[in-house]
Amino acid sequence: MEDIKDFDNSKFFNERIKGRNFGQREKIQIKVPTEFAKTVLENCFKHFLSKENKELVWKQEYDEVVKWLEGNDGRGLLLFGECGLGKSMLSRYVIPAILTLYFNLGVSVYTAQEMNTKLEEVLEHNIISLDDVGIESVLSEYGNKRLAFAEIIDSVERKAKLVIISTNLNAHEIEQRYGTRTIDRIIATTTRIEFKGESFRK
């Protein structure tokens, strides 16, 4: 048994705690050097847009994505707001490509409907991208209703996972659909960027 004085000794604690995490996972850190972050995002965006014969029209919200790339502080990303502004392109293609090419991180990408049909598979991954959250139906298994998105966000918080989310829902609609706990967990685990303006699809 340790000497009683050790219980009031910060040096003793710091020496003993070093290198131990007691099951707590390290958060996934993303950090693109500031001088390159915007160029990296632009190049990736242009690559995928070119496949659809489209050109990049830079939006103010993309600057916020650049800031996230410069240092995410272990947080994921919630892209929400009006449709047709590049949220899905970012969540499905651009950001997964950046994380794979520059950080060698595998990103598991799912649509909202796939999130429902492949929930157990989604829960196994540590880096997850979910596109168009809010359009999925309520999952029912053997008569029991499950909110797949709420379960995933709970897992993200408990296991220090990284999640990229795109949705046309606003904060109030997310809370109404998935509950206060889920919105609290989203706030705790993501950087939130709201998209506004006229759709590119018009």
N, C-alpha and C. Protein backbone atom coordinates (compact mmCIF):
# COMPACT_ATOMS: atom_id res chain seq x y z
N MET A 1 0.85 -1.20 0.00
CA MET A 1 0.00 0.00 0.00
C MET A 1 0.88 1.25 0.00
N GLU A 2 0.50 2.26 -0.79
CA GLU A 2 1.28 3.48 -0.89
C GLU A 2 1.21 4.27 0.41
N ASP A 3 2.26 5.08 0.62
CA ASP A 3 2.30 5.97 1.77
C ASP A 3 1.14 6.95 1.67
N ILE A 4 0.54 7.28 2.80
CA ILE A 4 -0.63 8.16 2.81
C ILE A 4 -0.33 9.51 2.19
N LYS A 5 0.94 9.94 2.28
CA LYS A 5 1.29 11.26 1.72
C LYS A 5 1.18 11.28 0.20
N ASP A 6 1.26 10.10 -0.44
CA ASP A 6 1.17 10.04 -1.90
C ASP A 6 -0.19 10.48 -2.42
N PHE A 7 -1.22 10.36 -1.62
CA PHE A 7 -2.55 10.74 -2.07
C PHE A 7 -2.71 12.26 -2.22
N ASP A 8 -1.78 13.00 -1.68
CA ASP A 8 -1.81 14.46 -1.76
C ASP A 8 -0.59 14.98 -2.52
N ASN A 9 -0.09 14.14 -3.45
CA ASN A 9 1.15 14.46 -4.14
C ASN A 9 0.91 14.45 -5.65
N SER A 10 0.90 15.63 -6.27
CA SER A 10 0.63 15.73 -7.71
C SER A 10 1.72 15.06 -8.53
N LYS A 11 2.96 15.16 -8.10
CA LYS A 11 4.07 14.54 -8.84
C LYS A 11 3.90 13.03 -8.87
N PHE A 12 3.50 12.45 -7.73
CA PHE A 12 3.25 11.01 -7.67
C PHE A 12 2.16 10.62 -8.67
N PHE A 13 1.08 11.40 -8.69
CA PHE A 13 -0.03 11.10 -9.61
C PHE A 13 0.42 11.19 -11.07
N ASN A 14 1.11 12.28 -11.42
CA ASN A 14 1.53 12.49 -12.80
C ASN A 14 2.48 11.40 -13.28
N GLU A 15 3.35 10.92 -12.41
CA GLU A 15 4.28 9.85 -12.79
C GLU A 15 3.55 8.53 -13.01
N ARG A 16 2.57 8.25 -12.19
CA ARG A 16 1.83 6.99 -12.29
C ARG A 16 0.84 6.96 -13.45
N ILE A 17 0.26 8.14 -13.78
CA ILE A 17 -0.78 8.19 -14.80
C ILE A 17 -0.19 8.18 -16.21
N LYS A 18 1.08 8.53 -16.33
CA LYS A 18 1.72 8.65 -17.63
C LYS A 18 1.63 7.35 -18.42
N GLY A 19 1.15 7.45 -19.65
CA GLY A 19 1.09 6.27 -20.52
C GLY A 19 -0.12 5.38 -20.30
N ARG A 20 -0.98 5.72 -19.35
CA ARG A 20 -2.18 4.92 -19.10
C ARG A 20 -3.42 5.70 -19.52
N ASN A 21 -4.37 5.02 -20.15
CA ASN A 21 -5.58 5.73 -20.56
C ASN A 21 -6.86 5.11 -19.98
N PHE A 22 -6.70 3.96 -19.30
CA PHE A 22 -7.84 3.31 -18.62
C PHE A 22 -9.03 3.11 -19.55
N GLY A 23 -8.73 2.75 -20.81
CA GLY A 23 -9.78 2.46 -21.77
C GLY A 23 -10.30 3.66 -22.54
N GLN A 24 -9.85 4.86 -22.16
CA GLN A 24 -10.30 6.07 -22.87
C GLN A 24 -9.51 6.20 -24.16
N ARG A 25 -10.21 6.33 -25.29
CA ARG A 25 -9.54 6.42 -26.58
C ARG A 25 -9.08 7.83 -26.89
N GLU A 26 -7.96 7.90 -27.62
CA GLU A 26 -7.48 9.18 -28.10
C GLU A 26 -8.39 9.67 -29.22
N LYS A 27 -8.71 10.95 -29.22
CA LYS A 27 -9.52 11.51 -30.30
C LYS A 27 -8.69 11.61 -31.57
N ILE A 28 -9.37 11.50 -32.70
CA ILE A 28 -8.70 11.52 -34.00
C ILE A 28 -8.43 12.97 -34.39
N GLN A 29 -7.15 13.27 -34.58
CA GLN A 29 -6.75 14.65 -34.86
C GLN A 29 -6.47 14.85 -36.35
N ILE A 30 -7.02 15.93 -36.91
CA ILE A 30 -6.78 16.32 -38.29
C ILE A 30 -6.09 17.67 -38.27
N LYS A 31 -4.97 17.77 -38.96
CA LYS A 31 -4.26 19.06 -38.98
C LYS A 31 -3.50 19.22 -40.29
N VAL A 32 -4.09 20.00 -41.19
CA VAL A 32 -3.43 20.37 -42.44
C VAL A 32 -2.74 21.71 -42.20
N PRO A 33 -1.46 21.86 -42.58
CA PRO A 33 -0.80 23.15 -42.38
C PRO A 33 -1.62 24.29 -42.96
N THR A 34 -1.70 25.39 -42.22
CA THR A 34 -2.57 26.51 -42.57
C THR A 34 -2.34 27.00 -44.00
N GLU A 35 -1.08 27.03 -44.43
CA GLU A 35 -0.78 27.58 -45.75
C GLU A 35 -1.25 26.66 -46.90
N PHE A 36 -1.60 25.42 -46.56
CA PHE A 36 -2.01 24.47 -47.60
C PHE A 36 -3.49 24.06 -47.53
N ALA A 37 -4.15 24.34 -46.41
CA ALA A 37 -5.48 23.79 -46.16
C ALA A 37 -6.50 24.19 -47.24
N LYS A 38 -6.52 25.47 -47.60
CA LYS A 38 -7.50 25.92 -48.59
C LYS A 38 -7.21 25.30 -49.96
N THR A 39 -5.94 25.21 -50.31
CA THR A 39 -5.57 24.63 -51.61
C THR A 39 -5.96 23.16 -51.67
N VAL A 40 -5.74 22.44 -50.58
CA VAL A 40 -6.12 21.03 -50.52
C VAL A 40 -7.62 20.87 -50.73
N LEU A 41 -8.42 21.69 -50.04
CA LEU A 41 -9.88 21.60 -50.18
C LEU A 41 -10.30 21.97 -51.60
N GLU A 42 -9.74 23.03 -52.14
CA GLU A 42 -10.08 23.45 -53.50
C GLU A 42 -9.77 22.35 -54.52
N ASN A 43 -8.57 21.78 -54.43
CA ASN A 43 -8.16 20.76 -55.39
C ASN A 43 -9.07 19.54 -55.35
N CYS A 44 -9.42 19.13 -54.13
CA CYS A 44 -10.29 17.96 -53.98
C CYS A 44 -11.68 18.27 -54.53
N PHE A 45 -12.20 19.42 -54.18
CA PHE A 45 -13.51 19.85 -54.66
C PHE A 45 -13.54 19.85 -56.20
N LYS A 46 -12.54 20.48 -56.80
CA LYS A 46 -12.48 20.61 -58.26
C LYS A 46 -12.41 19.24 -58.93
N HIS A 47 -11.68 18.32 -58.32
CA HIS A 47 -11.56 16.97 -58.90
C HIS A 47 -12.92 16.31 -59.03
N PHE A 48 -13.69 16.33 -57.95
CA PHE A 48 -14.98 15.64 -57.97
C PHE A 48 -16.02 16.41 -58.78
N LEU A 49 -15.98 17.74 -58.75
CA LEU A 49 -16.91 18.53 -59.54
C LEU A 49 -16.66 18.34 -61.04
N SER A 50 -15.40 18.16 -61.41
CA SER A 50 -15.08 17.98 -62.83
C SER A 50 -15.72 16.73 -63.40
N LYS A 51 -15.94 15.73 -62.55
CA LYS A 51 -16.58 14.50 -63.01
C LYS A 51 -18.06 14.73 -63.35
N GLU A 52 -18.61 15.84 -62.85
CA GLU A 52 -20.00 16.21 -63.15
C GLU A 52 -20.06 17.41 -64.09
N ASN A 53 -18.89 17.73 -64.70
CA ASN A 53 -18.78 18.88 -65.60
C ASN A 53 -19.22 20.18 -64.94
N LYS A 54 -18.83 20.35 -63.69
CA LYS A 54 -19.17 21.56 -62.93
C LYS A 54 -17.89 22.25 -62.49
N GLU A 55 -18.00 23.56 -62.23
CA GLU A 55 -16.88 24.33 -61.71
C GLU A 55 -17.14 24.72 -60.26
N LEU A 56 -16.05 24.90 -59.55
CA LEU A 56 -16.17 25.27 -58.14
C LEU A 56 -16.56 26.73 -57.98
N VAL A 57 -17.64 26.97 -57.27
CA VAL A 57 -18.03 28.33 -56.86
C VAL A 57 -17.81 28.38 -55.35
N TRP A 58 -16.81 29.13 -54.93
CA TRP A 58 -16.42 29.12 -53.52
C TRP A 58 -17.46 29.83 -52.66
N LYS A 59 -17.86 29.18 -51.58
CA LYS A 59 -18.81 29.75 -50.64
C LYS A 59 -18.11 30.08 -49.33
N GLN A 60 -18.65 31.06 -48.62
CA GLN A 60 -18.08 31.46 -47.35
C GLN A 60 -18.00 30.28 -46.37
N GLU A 61 -18.99 29.39 -46.44
CA GLU A 61 -19.02 28.24 -45.52
C GLU A 61 -17.81 27.31 -45.73
N TYR A 62 -17.27 27.30 -46.95
CA TYR A 62 -16.12 26.45 -47.21
C TYR A 62 -14.89 26.92 -46.42
N ASP A 63 -14.83 28.23 -46.13
CA ASP A 63 -13.74 28.74 -45.29
C ASP A 63 -13.78 28.12 -43.90
N GLU A 64 -14.99 27.84 -43.41
CA GLU A 64 -15.13 27.19 -42.10
C GLU A 64 -14.63 25.74 -42.16
N VAL A 65 -14.84 25.09 -43.31
CA VAL A 65 -14.31 23.73 -43.49
C VAL A 65 -12.79 23.78 -43.51
N VAL A 66 -12.23 24.80 -44.14
CA VAL A 66 -10.78 24.98 -44.15
C VAL A 66 -10.24 25.10 -42.73
N LYS A 67 -10.92 25.88 -41.90
CA LYS A 67 -10.49 26.03 -40.49
C LYS A 67 -10.52 24.69 -39.77
N TRP A 68 -11.54 23.87 -40.07
CA TRP A 68 -11.63 22.54 -39.46
C TRP A 68 -10.45 21.68 -39.90
N LEU A 69 -10.08 21.77 -41.15
CA LEU A 69 -8.94 21.00 -41.65
C LEU A 69 -7.63 21.45 -41.01
N GLU A 70 -7.54 22.73 -40.68
CA GLU A 70 -6.32 23.26 -40.07
C GLU A 70 -6.11 22.73 -38.66
N GLY A 71 -7.16 22.26 -38.04
CA GLY A 71 -7.07 21.70 -36.69
C GLY A 71 -8.45 21.42 -36.15
N ASN A 72 -8.81 20.14 -36.08
CA ASN A 72 -10.19 19.80 -35.71
C ASN A 72 -10.39 19.61 -34.21
N ASP A 73 -9.30 19.64 -33.43
CA ASP A 73 -9.40 19.44 -31.97
C ASP A 73 -10.14 18.16 -31.62
N GLY A 74 -10.01 17.15 -32.47
CA GLY A 74 -10.64 15.87 -32.20
C GLY A 74 -12.13 15.83 -32.51
N ARG A 75 -12.65 16.88 -33.10
CA ARG A 75 -14.09 16.96 -33.39
C ARG A 75 -14.39 16.55 -34.83
N GLY A 76 -15.59 16.01 -35.01
CA GLY A 76 -16.09 15.73 -36.34
C GLY A 76 -16.69 16.99 -36.94
N LEU A 77 -17.58 16.79 -37.92
CA LEU A 77 -18.11 17.94 -38.65
C LEU A 77 -19.59 17.72 -38.94
N LEU A 78 -20.41 18.72 -38.62
CA LEU A 78 -21.83 18.71 -38.96
C LEU A 78 -22.07 19.81 -39.98
N LEU A 79 -22.46 19.42 -41.20
CA LEU A 79 -22.78 20.36 -42.26
C LEU A 79 -24.30 20.38 -42.39
N PHE A 80 -24.93 21.49 -42.04
CA PHE A 80 -26.39 21.50 -42.04
C PHE A 80 -26.91 22.77 -42.71
N GLY A 81 -28.18 22.72 -43.10
CA GLY A 81 -28.80 23.90 -43.69
C GLY A 81 -29.43 23.60 -45.04
N GLU A 82 -29.51 24.61 -45.85
CA GLU A 82 -30.25 24.53 -47.10
C GLU A 82 -29.58 23.59 -48.09
N CYS A 83 -30.40 23.04 -48.99
CA CYS A 83 -29.91 22.01 -49.92
C CYS A 83 -29.24 22.64 -51.14
N GLY A 84 -28.45 21.81 -51.84
CA GLY A 84 -27.83 22.23 -53.09
C GLY A 84 -26.65 23.15 -52.94
N LEU A 85 -25.95 23.10 -51.79
CA LEU A 85 -24.85 24.02 -51.54
C LEU A 85 -23.51 23.31 -51.32
N GLY A 86 -23.47 22.02 -51.63
CA GLY A 86 -22.20 21.30 -51.57
C GLY A 86 -21.98 20.44 -50.34
N LYS A 87 -22.98 20.34 -49.47
CA LYS A 87 -22.81 19.57 -48.24
C LYS A 87 -22.54 18.09 -48.53
N SER A 88 -23.36 17.52 -49.43
CA SER A 88 -23.20 16.10 -49.75
C SER A 88 -21.88 15.83 -50.46
N MET A 89 -21.48 16.72 -51.36
CA MET A 89 -20.20 16.57 -52.05
C MET A 89 -19.06 16.55 -51.04
N LEU A 90 -19.14 17.42 -50.05
CA LEU A 90 -18.12 17.47 -49.00
C LEU A 90 -18.11 16.19 -48.16
N SER A 91 -19.28 15.78 -47.71
CA SER A 91 -19.34 14.65 -46.77
C SER A 91 -19.09 13.30 -47.44
N ARG A 92 -19.52 13.14 -48.68
CA ARG A 92 -19.42 11.84 -49.35
C ARG A 92 -18.09 11.65 -50.07
N TYR A 93 -17.53 12.75 -50.60
CA TYR A 93 -16.37 12.61 -51.46
C TYR A 93 -15.15 13.43 -51.01
N VAL A 94 -15.34 14.73 -50.87
CA VAL A 94 -14.20 15.62 -50.67
C VAL A 94 -13.45 15.34 -49.36
N ILE A 95 -14.16 15.38 -48.24
CA ILE A 95 -13.50 15.18 -46.95
C ILE A 95 -12.97 13.75 -46.80
N PRO A 96 -13.74 12.70 -47.16
CA PRO A 96 -13.17 11.36 -47.11
C PRO A 96 -11.89 11.22 -47.95
N ALA A 97 -11.85 11.86 -49.12
CA ALA A 97 -10.66 11.80 -49.97
C ALA A 97 -9.47 12.46 -49.29
N ILE A 98 -9.69 13.61 -48.67
CA ILE A 98 -8.60 14.31 -47.97
C ILE A 98 -8.07 13.47 -46.82
N LEU A 99 -8.97 12.90 -46.02
CA LEU A 99 -8.53 12.10 -44.88
C LEU A 99 -7.80 10.85 -45.33
N THR A 100 -8.20 10.29 -46.46
CA THR A 100 -7.54 9.08 -46.97
C THR A 100 -6.18 9.41 -47.60
N LEU A 101 -6.14 10.42 -48.46
CA LEU A 101 -4.92 10.74 -49.20
C LEU A 101 -3.83 11.36 -48.33
N TYR A 102 -4.22 12.25 -47.41
CA TYR A 102 -3.24 13.00 -46.65
C TYR A 102 -2.98 12.45 -45.25
N PHE A 103 -3.92 11.65 -44.72
CA PHE A 103 -3.75 11.14 -43.36
C PHE A 103 -3.82 9.61 -43.28
N ASN A 104 -4.02 8.97 -44.44
CA ASN A 104 -4.11 7.51 -44.49
C ASN A 104 -5.17 6.97 -43.55
N LEU A 105 -6.30 7.68 -43.47
CA LEU A 105 -7.41 7.28 -42.61
C LEU A 105 -8.56 6.76 -43.48
N GLY A 106 -9.03 5.59 -43.18
CA GLY A 106 -10.16 5.03 -43.91
C GLY A 106 -11.47 5.60 -43.40
N VAL A 107 -12.28 6.13 -44.31
CA VAL A 107 -13.57 6.72 -43.94
C VAL A 107 -14.68 5.83 -44.50
N SER A 108 -15.58 5.42 -43.64
CA SER A 108 -16.72 4.60 -44.05
C SER A 108 -17.90 5.52 -44.34
N VAL A 109 -18.33 5.54 -45.61
CA VAL A 109 -19.34 6.50 -46.06
C VAL A 109 -20.68 5.78 -46.25
N TYR A 110 -21.73 6.38 -45.68
CA TYR A 110 -23.07 5.80 -45.78
C TYR A 110 -24.10 6.89 -46.07
N THR A 111 -25.11 6.55 -46.87
CA THR A 111 -26.28 7.42 -46.98
C THR A 111 -27.14 7.19 -45.73
N ALA A 112 -28.12 8.06 -45.55
CA ALA A 112 -29.01 7.91 -44.39
C ALA A 112 -29.75 6.58 -44.42
N GLN A 113 -30.18 6.17 -45.61
CA GLN A 113 -30.89 4.89 -45.72
C GLN A 113 -29.97 3.71 -45.42
N GLU A 114 -28.73 3.77 -45.90
CA GLU A 114 -27.76 2.70 -45.60
C GLU A 114 -27.44 2.65 -44.12
N MET A 115 -27.43 3.81 -43.49
CA MET A 115 -27.22 3.88 -42.04
C MET A 115 -28.24 3.02 -41.31
N ASN A 116 -29.46 3.01 -41.81
CA ASN A 116 -30.52 2.19 -41.22
C ASN A 116 -30.33 0.71 -41.50
N THR A 117 -30.09 0.38 -42.76
CA THR A 117 -30.04 -1.03 -43.14
C THR A 117 -28.74 -1.72 -42.72
N LYS A 118 -27.70 -0.91 -42.45
CA LYS A 118 -26.40 -1.48 -42.08
C LYS A 118 -25.92 -0.94 -40.73
N LEU A 119 -26.85 -0.73 -39.81
CA LEU A 119 -26.52 -0.08 -38.54
C LEU A 119 -25.38 -0.78 -37.79
N GLU A 120 -25.46 -2.09 -37.64
CA GLU A 120 -24.43 -2.80 -36.88
C GLU A 120 -23.06 -2.65 -37.54
N GLU A 121 -23.03 -2.63 -38.87
CA GLU A 121 -21.78 -2.43 -39.60
C GLU A 121 -21.24 -1.03 -39.34
N VAL A 122 -22.12 -0.03 -39.42
CA VAL A 122 -21.71 1.36 -39.19
C VAL A 122 -21.08 1.51 -37.81
N LEU A 123 -21.69 0.87 -36.82
CA LEU A 123 -21.22 1.01 -35.43
C LEU A 123 -19.84 0.41 -35.21
N GLU A 124 -19.38 -0.43 -36.12
CA GLU A 124 -18.06 -1.04 -35.99
C GLU A 124 -16.93 -0.09 -36.39
N HIS A 125 -17.25 0.96 -37.15
CA HIS A 125 -16.21 1.83 -37.69
C HIS A 125 -15.89 3.00 -36.76
N ASN A 126 -14.66 3.52 -36.92
CA ASN A 126 -14.21 4.63 -36.08
C ASN A 126 -14.29 5.98 -36.78
N ILE A 127 -14.29 5.98 -38.11
CA ILE A 127 -14.43 7.23 -38.86
C ILE A 127 -15.58 7.03 -39.83
N ILE A 128 -16.63 7.81 -39.64
CA ILE A 128 -17.89 7.57 -40.34
C ILE A 128 -18.38 8.85 -41.00
N SER A 129 -18.84 8.74 -42.24
CA SER A 129 -19.49 9.85 -42.90
C SER A 129 -20.94 9.47 -43.20
N LEU A 130 -21.88 10.31 -42.79
CA LEU A 130 -23.31 10.05 -42.96
C LEU A 130 -23.90 11.17 -43.80
N ASP A 131 -24.47 10.81 -44.95
CA ASP A 131 -24.99 11.82 -45.86
C ASP A 131 -26.51 11.88 -45.84
N ASP A 132 -27.03 13.09 -45.81
CA ASP A 132 -28.47 13.35 -45.90
C ASP A 132 -29.25 12.79 -44.72
N VAL A 133 -28.68 12.93 -43.54
CA VAL A 133 -29.36 12.48 -42.32
C VAL A 133 -30.69 13.22 -42.17
N GLY A 134 -31.73 12.47 -41.83
CA GLY A 134 -33.05 13.05 -41.64
C GLY A 134 -34.07 12.53 -42.62
N ILE A 135 -33.60 11.93 -43.72
CA ILE A 135 -34.55 11.40 -44.71
C ILE A 135 -34.87 9.93 -44.44
N GLU A 136 -34.10 9.31 -43.53
CA GLU A 136 -34.28 7.88 -43.27
C GLU A 136 -35.57 7.62 -42.49
N SER A 137 -36.12 6.44 -42.67
CA SER A 137 -37.30 6.04 -41.90
C SER A 137 -36.84 5.51 -40.55
N VAL A 138 -37.78 5.37 -39.64
CA VAL A 138 -37.45 4.80 -38.31
C VAL A 138 -37.18 3.31 -38.48
N LEU A 139 -36.07 2.86 -37.93
CA LEU A 139 -35.69 1.46 -38.03
C LEU A 139 -36.51 0.62 -37.05
N SER A 140 -37.04 -0.49 -37.54
CA SER A 140 -37.82 -1.39 -36.69
C SER A 140 -37.25 -2.80 -36.77
N GLU A 141 -36.89 -3.35 -35.62
CA GLU A 141 -36.36 -4.71 -35.55
C GLU A 141 -37.19 -5.52 -34.57
N TYR A 142 -37.84 -6.54 -35.08
CA TYR A 142 -38.67 -7.42 -34.26
C TYR A 142 -39.68 -6.61 -33.44
N GLY A 143 -40.23 -5.58 -34.07
CA GLY A 143 -41.25 -4.76 -33.41
C GLY A 143 -40.70 -3.66 -32.55
N ASN A 144 -39.36 -3.62 -32.37
CA ASN A 144 -38.75 -2.58 -31.56
C ASN A 144 -38.21 -1.45 -32.44
N LYS A 145 -38.57 -0.22 -32.12
CA LYS A 145 -38.10 0.92 -32.89
C LYS A 145 -36.71 1.36 -32.41
N ARG A 146 -35.83 1.64 -33.40
CA ARG A 146 -34.48 2.10 -33.09
C ARG A 146 -34.19 3.36 -33.92
N LEU A 147 -33.59 4.35 -33.29
CA LEU A 147 -33.13 5.53 -34.01
C LEU A 147 -31.66 5.34 -34.32
N ALA A 148 -31.39 4.90 -35.55
CA ALA A 148 -30.02 4.56 -35.92
C ALA A 148 -29.06 5.72 -35.71
N PHE A 149 -29.45 6.91 -36.13
CA PHE A 149 -28.57 8.06 -36.01
C PHE A 149 -28.23 8.36 -34.55
N ALA A 150 -29.23 8.29 -33.68
CA ALA A 150 -29.00 8.54 -32.25
C ALA A 150 -28.03 7.52 -31.67
N GLU A 151 -28.15 6.27 -32.07
CA GLU A 151 -27.23 5.23 -31.58
C GLU A 151 -25.81 5.48 -32.07
N ILE A 152 -25.68 5.92 -33.32
CA ILE A 152 -24.35 6.19 -33.86
C ILE A 152 -23.68 7.35 -33.13
N ILE A 153 -24.44 8.42 -32.90
CA ILE A 153 -23.88 9.58 -32.21
C ILE A 153 -23.49 9.24 -30.77
N ASP A 154 -24.27 8.39 -30.13
CA ASP A 154 -23.92 7.92 -28.79
C ASP A 154 -22.59 7.17 -28.83
N SER A 155 -22.41 6.32 -29.83
CA SER A 155 -21.17 5.57 -29.99
C SER A 155 -20.00 6.49 -30.30
N VAL A 156 -20.25 7.53 -31.09
CA VAL A 156 -19.20 8.51 -31.42
C VAL A 156 -18.67 9.17 -30.16
N GLU A 157 -19.58 9.56 -29.27
CA GLU A 157 -19.15 10.23 -28.03
C GLU A 157 -18.44 9.26 -27.09
N ARG A 158 -19.00 8.08 -26.90
CA ARG A 158 -18.44 7.14 -25.93
C ARG A 158 -17.09 6.59 -26.36
N LYS A 159 -16.89 6.43 -27.67
CA LYS A 159 -15.68 5.77 -28.16
C LYS A 159 -14.74 6.70 -28.93
N ALA A 160 -14.96 7.99 -28.77
CA ALA A 160 -14.08 9.00 -29.38
C ALA A 160 -13.90 8.79 -30.88
N LYS A 161 -15.00 8.53 -31.57
CA LYS A 161 -14.96 8.34 -33.02
C LYS A 161 -15.04 9.70 -33.71
N LEU A 162 -14.76 9.68 -35.02
CA LEU A 162 -14.87 10.89 -35.82
C LEU A 162 -16.04 10.72 -36.78
N VAL A 163 -16.96 11.68 -36.79
CA VAL A 163 -18.14 11.58 -37.66
C VAL A 163 -18.29 12.84 -38.50
N ILE A 164 -18.59 12.63 -39.78
CA ILE A 164 -18.91 13.71 -40.70
C ILE A 164 -20.38 13.55 -41.07
N ILE A 165 -21.17 14.60 -40.89
CA ILE A 165 -22.62 14.51 -41.11
C ILE A 165 -23.07 15.62 -42.05
N SER A 166 -23.90 15.27 -43.01
CA SER A 166 -24.59 16.30 -43.79
C SER A 166 -26.09 16.11 -43.61
N THR A 167 -26.81 17.21 -43.49
CA THR A 167 -28.26 17.14 -43.30
C THR A 167 -28.90 18.46 -43.73
N ASN A 168 -30.14 18.38 -44.19
CA ASN A 168 -30.90 19.59 -44.49
C ASN A 168 -31.71 20.06 -43.29
N LEU A 169 -31.63 19.31 -42.19
CA LEU A 169 -32.36 19.68 -40.98
C LEU A 169 -31.63 20.81 -40.25
N ASN A 170 -32.39 21.66 -39.56
CA ASN A 170 -31.75 22.64 -38.69
C ASN A 170 -31.66 22.07 -37.27
N ALA A 171 -31.06 22.82 -36.37
CA ALA A 171 -30.81 22.30 -35.01
C ALA A 171 -32.11 21.91 -34.31
N HIS A 172 -33.15 22.74 -34.47
CA HIS A 172 -34.44 22.44 -33.83
C HIS A 172 -35.03 21.16 -34.38
N GLU A 173 -34.95 20.97 -35.70
CA GLU A 173 -35.50 19.77 -36.32
C GLU A 173 -34.71 18.52 -35.92
N ILE A 174 -33.41 18.66 -35.78
CA ILE A 174 -32.60 17.52 -35.32
C ILE A 174 -33.02 17.12 -33.91
N GLU A 175 -33.20 18.13 -33.05
CA GLU A 175 -33.60 17.84 -31.67
C GLU A 175 -34.99 17.21 -31.62
N GLN A 176 -35.92 17.72 -32.44
CA GLN A 176 -37.27 17.16 -32.48
C GLN A 176 -37.26 15.70 -32.92
N ARG A 177 -36.44 15.39 -33.91
CA ARG A 177 -36.43 14.05 -34.49
C ARG A 177 -35.67 13.05 -33.64
N TYR A 178 -34.52 13.48 -33.08
CA TYR A 178 -33.63 12.53 -32.41
C TYR A 178 -33.49 12.73 -30.91
N GLY A 179 -33.99 13.84 -30.39
CA GLY A 179 -33.97 14.06 -28.95
C GLY A 179 -32.87 14.99 -28.48
N THR A 180 -33.07 15.51 -27.26
CA THR A 180 -32.14 16.48 -26.67
C THR A 180 -30.76 15.86 -26.43
N ARG A 181 -30.72 14.61 -25.98
CA ARG A 181 -29.42 13.98 -25.73
C ARG A 181 -28.58 13.90 -26.99
N THR A 182 -29.23 13.60 -28.10
CA THR A 182 -28.49 13.49 -29.36
C THR A 182 -27.93 14.83 -29.79
N ILE A 183 -28.73 15.89 -29.69
CA ILE A 183 -28.23 17.21 -30.07
C ILE A 183 -27.10 17.64 -29.14
N ASP A 184 -27.18 17.31 -27.85
CA ASP A 184 -26.10 17.61 -26.91
C ASP A 184 -24.82 16.88 -27.30
N ARG A 185 -24.96 15.62 -27.72
CA ARG A 185 -23.78 14.84 -28.13
C ARG A 185 -23.18 15.37 -29.43
N ILE A 186 -24.04 15.83 -30.33
CA ILE A 186 -23.54 16.44 -31.57
C ILE A 186 -22.73 17.69 -31.24
N ILE A 187 -23.23 18.51 -30.34
CA ILE A 187 -22.53 19.72 -29.92
C ILE A 187 -21.18 19.37 -29.30
N ALA A 188 -21.14 18.28 -28.54
CA ALA A 188 -19.91 17.87 -27.85
C ALA A 188 -18.88 17.27 -28.79
N THR A 189 -19.31 16.71 -29.91
CA THR A 189 -18.39 15.92 -30.75
C THR A 189 -18.12 16.49 -32.13
N THR A 190 -18.79 17.58 -32.50
CA THR A 190 -18.59 18.11 -33.85
C THR A 190 -18.41 19.63 -33.87
N THR A 191 -17.81 20.08 -34.96
CA THR A 191 -17.85 21.50 -35.32
C THR A 191 -19.03 21.67 -36.27
N ARG A 192 -19.87 22.66 -36.03
CA ARG A 192 -21.10 22.80 -36.80
C ARG A 192 -21.00 23.98 -37.77
N ILE A 193 -21.34 23.70 -39.02
CA ILE A 193 -21.30 24.74 -40.06
C ILE A 193 -22.65 24.81 -40.74
N GLU A 194 -23.29 25.97 -40.68
CA GLU A 194 -24.60 26.15 -41.30
C GLU A 194 -24.44 26.71 -42.71
N PHE A 195 -25.11 26.08 -43.67
CA PHE A 195 -25.06 26.50 -45.07
C PHE A 195 -26.32 27.29 -45.42
N LYS A 196 -26.11 28.47 -46.01
CA LYS A 196 -27.22 29.33 -46.41
C LYS A 196 -27.00 29.80 -47.85
N GLY A 197 -28.10 30.17 -48.50
CA GLY A 197 -27.97 30.74 -49.83
C GLY A 197 -28.76 29.98 -50.87
N GLU A 198 -28.59 30.42 -52.12
CA GLU A 198 -29.32 29.85 -53.24
C GLU A 198 -28.65 28.57 -53.72
N SER A 199 -29.45 27.57 -53.98
CA SER A 199 -28.95 26.27 -54.42
C SER A 199 -28.19 26.38 -55.74
N PHE A 200 -27.09 25.63 -55.86
CA PHE A 200 -26.35 25.54 -57.12
C PHE A 200 -27.14 24.77 -58.19
N ARG A 201 -28.15 24.04 -57.74
CA ARG A 201 -28.88 23.19 -58.67
C ARG A 201 -29.88 23.95 -59.54
N LYS A 202 -30.12 25.21 -59.20
CA LYS A 202 -31.09 25.99 -59.97
C LYS A 202 -30.48 26.46 -61.29
